[in-house]
Amino acid sequence: MFFEQKINTRSRQAMVEFLSGHFRYPTGKSWGSTNYANRAKLYHVGLKREQENRAYDLLDTDYHEELHFLIDDFTSKMDGRYTHRI
């Protein structure tokens, strides 16, 4: 099931209320930091079964290893601000 919530981005109060009430998860760092949960998993995207299976197949190819280097490079350049790995 795909979920999207509209927020009035012209209202500072609406954005503060949304972010302060949004679920957060622990990042596993020793200093107790958290990050916003986005449910960015294939099974939460809303794909049809065939599309989901093909997406999993793509993750199981050699391209995934090549993408891994790009993700690691991005993580490094951004000092880990936008990527979380367990």
Protein backbone atom coordinates (compact mmCIF):
# COMPACT_ATOMS: atom_id res chain seq x y z
CA MET A 1 0.00 0.00 0.00
CA PHE A 2 1.39 3.37 -1.02
CA PHE A 3 1.01 6.19 1.48
CA GLU A 4 1.40 9.88 0.91
CA GLN A 5 0.40 12.71 3.21
CA LYS A 6 -0.03 16.25 1.95
CA ILE A 7 1.49 18.95 4.15
CA ASN A 8 0.93 22.67 3.79
CA THR A 9 4.54 23.66 3.08
CA ARG A 10 3.60 27.33 3.23
CA SER A 11 2.75 26.95 6.91
CA ARG A 12 5.71 26.68 9.24
CA GLN A 13 3.40 25.46 12.03
CA ALA A 14 2.00 22.65 9.83
CA MET A 15 5.50 21.48 8.92
CA VAL A 16 6.69 21.60 12.56
CA GLU A 17 3.64 19.60 13.70
CA PHE A 18 4.17 16.99 10.99
CA LEU A 19 7.88 16.54 11.67
CA SER A 20 7.58 16.58 15.47
CA GLY A 21 4.87 13.89 15.33
CA HIS A 22 6.50 11.76 12.62
CA PHE A 23 7.81 8.35 13.67
CA ARG A 24 11.58 8.18 14.12
CA TYR A 25 13.83 5.15 14.49
CA PRO A 26 17.19 4.75 16.23
CA THR A 27 20.10 4.82 13.78
CA GLY A 28 22.16 2.44 15.90
CA LYS A 29 24.78 5.05 16.66
CA SER A 30 26.16 5.03 20.19
CA TRP A 31 25.17 8.67 20.79
CA GLY A 32 21.46 7.85 20.49
CA SER A 33 20.61 9.67 17.26
CA THR A 34 17.42 8.97 15.35
CA ASN A 35 16.17 9.46 11.81
CA TYR A 36 12.75 9.87 10.19
CA ALA A 37 11.14 6.62 9.08
CA ASN A 38 10.18 6.56 5.40
CA ARG A 39 9.15 2.94 4.81
CA ALA A 40 11.41 2.89 1.76
CA LYS A 41 11.20 -0.86 1.25
CA LEU A 42 10.23 -2.57 -1.99
CA TYR A 43 7.23 -4.24 -0.40
CA HIS A 44 5.89 -0.82 0.74
CA VAL A 45 6.20 0.96 -2.64
CA GLY A 46 2.93 -0.36 -4.03
CA LEU A 47 4.28 -2.39 -6.93
CA LYS A 48 2.35 -5.24 -8.49
CA ARG A 49 3.72 -8.69 -7.60
CA GLU A 50 5.46 -9.09 -10.99
CA GLN A 51 7.09 -5.65 -10.70
CA GLU A 52 8.21 -6.37 -7.14
CA ASN A 53 9.74 -9.69 -8.21
CA ARG A 54 11.64 -7.98 -11.04
CA ALA A 55 12.90 -5.30 -8.65
CA TYR A 56 14.21 -8.00 -6.29
CA ASP A 57 15.84 -9.70 -9.28
CA LEU A 58 17.60 -6.44 -10.13
CA LEU A 59 18.96 -6.21 -6.59
CA ASP A 60 20.35 -9.70 -7.02
CA THR A 61 22.49 -8.83 -10.07
CA ASP A 62 26.06 -7.62 -10.48
CA TYR A 63 24.72 -4.10 -10.98
CA HIS A 64 23.86 -3.97 -7.30
CA GLU A 65 27.57 -4.20 -6.46
CA GLU A 66 28.32 -1.35 -8.88
CA LEU A 67 25.58 0.76 -7.31
CA HIS A 68 26.97 -0.05 -3.88
CA PHE A 69 30.13 1.94 -4.71
CA LEU A 70 28.04 4.94 -5.77
CA ILE A 71 26.01 4.77 -2.56
CA ASP A 72 29.19 4.49 -0.47
CA ASP A 73 30.69 7.48 -2.31
CA PHE A 74 27.53 9.54 -1.72
CA THR A 75 27.47 8.53 1.94
CA SER A 76 31.08 9.59 2.33
CA LYS A 77 30.61 12.94 0.57
CA MET A 78 27.52 13.73 2.67
CA ASP A 79 29.18 12.63 5.94
CA GLY A 80 26.46 9.99 6.34
CA ARG A 81 23.65 12.55 6.62
CA TYR A 82 21.27 10.94 4.11
CA THR A 83 22.14 7.25 4.20
CA HIS A 84 21.67 4.73 6.97
CA ARG A 85 23.15 1.28 7.09
CA ILE A 86 22.85 -1.25 9.84
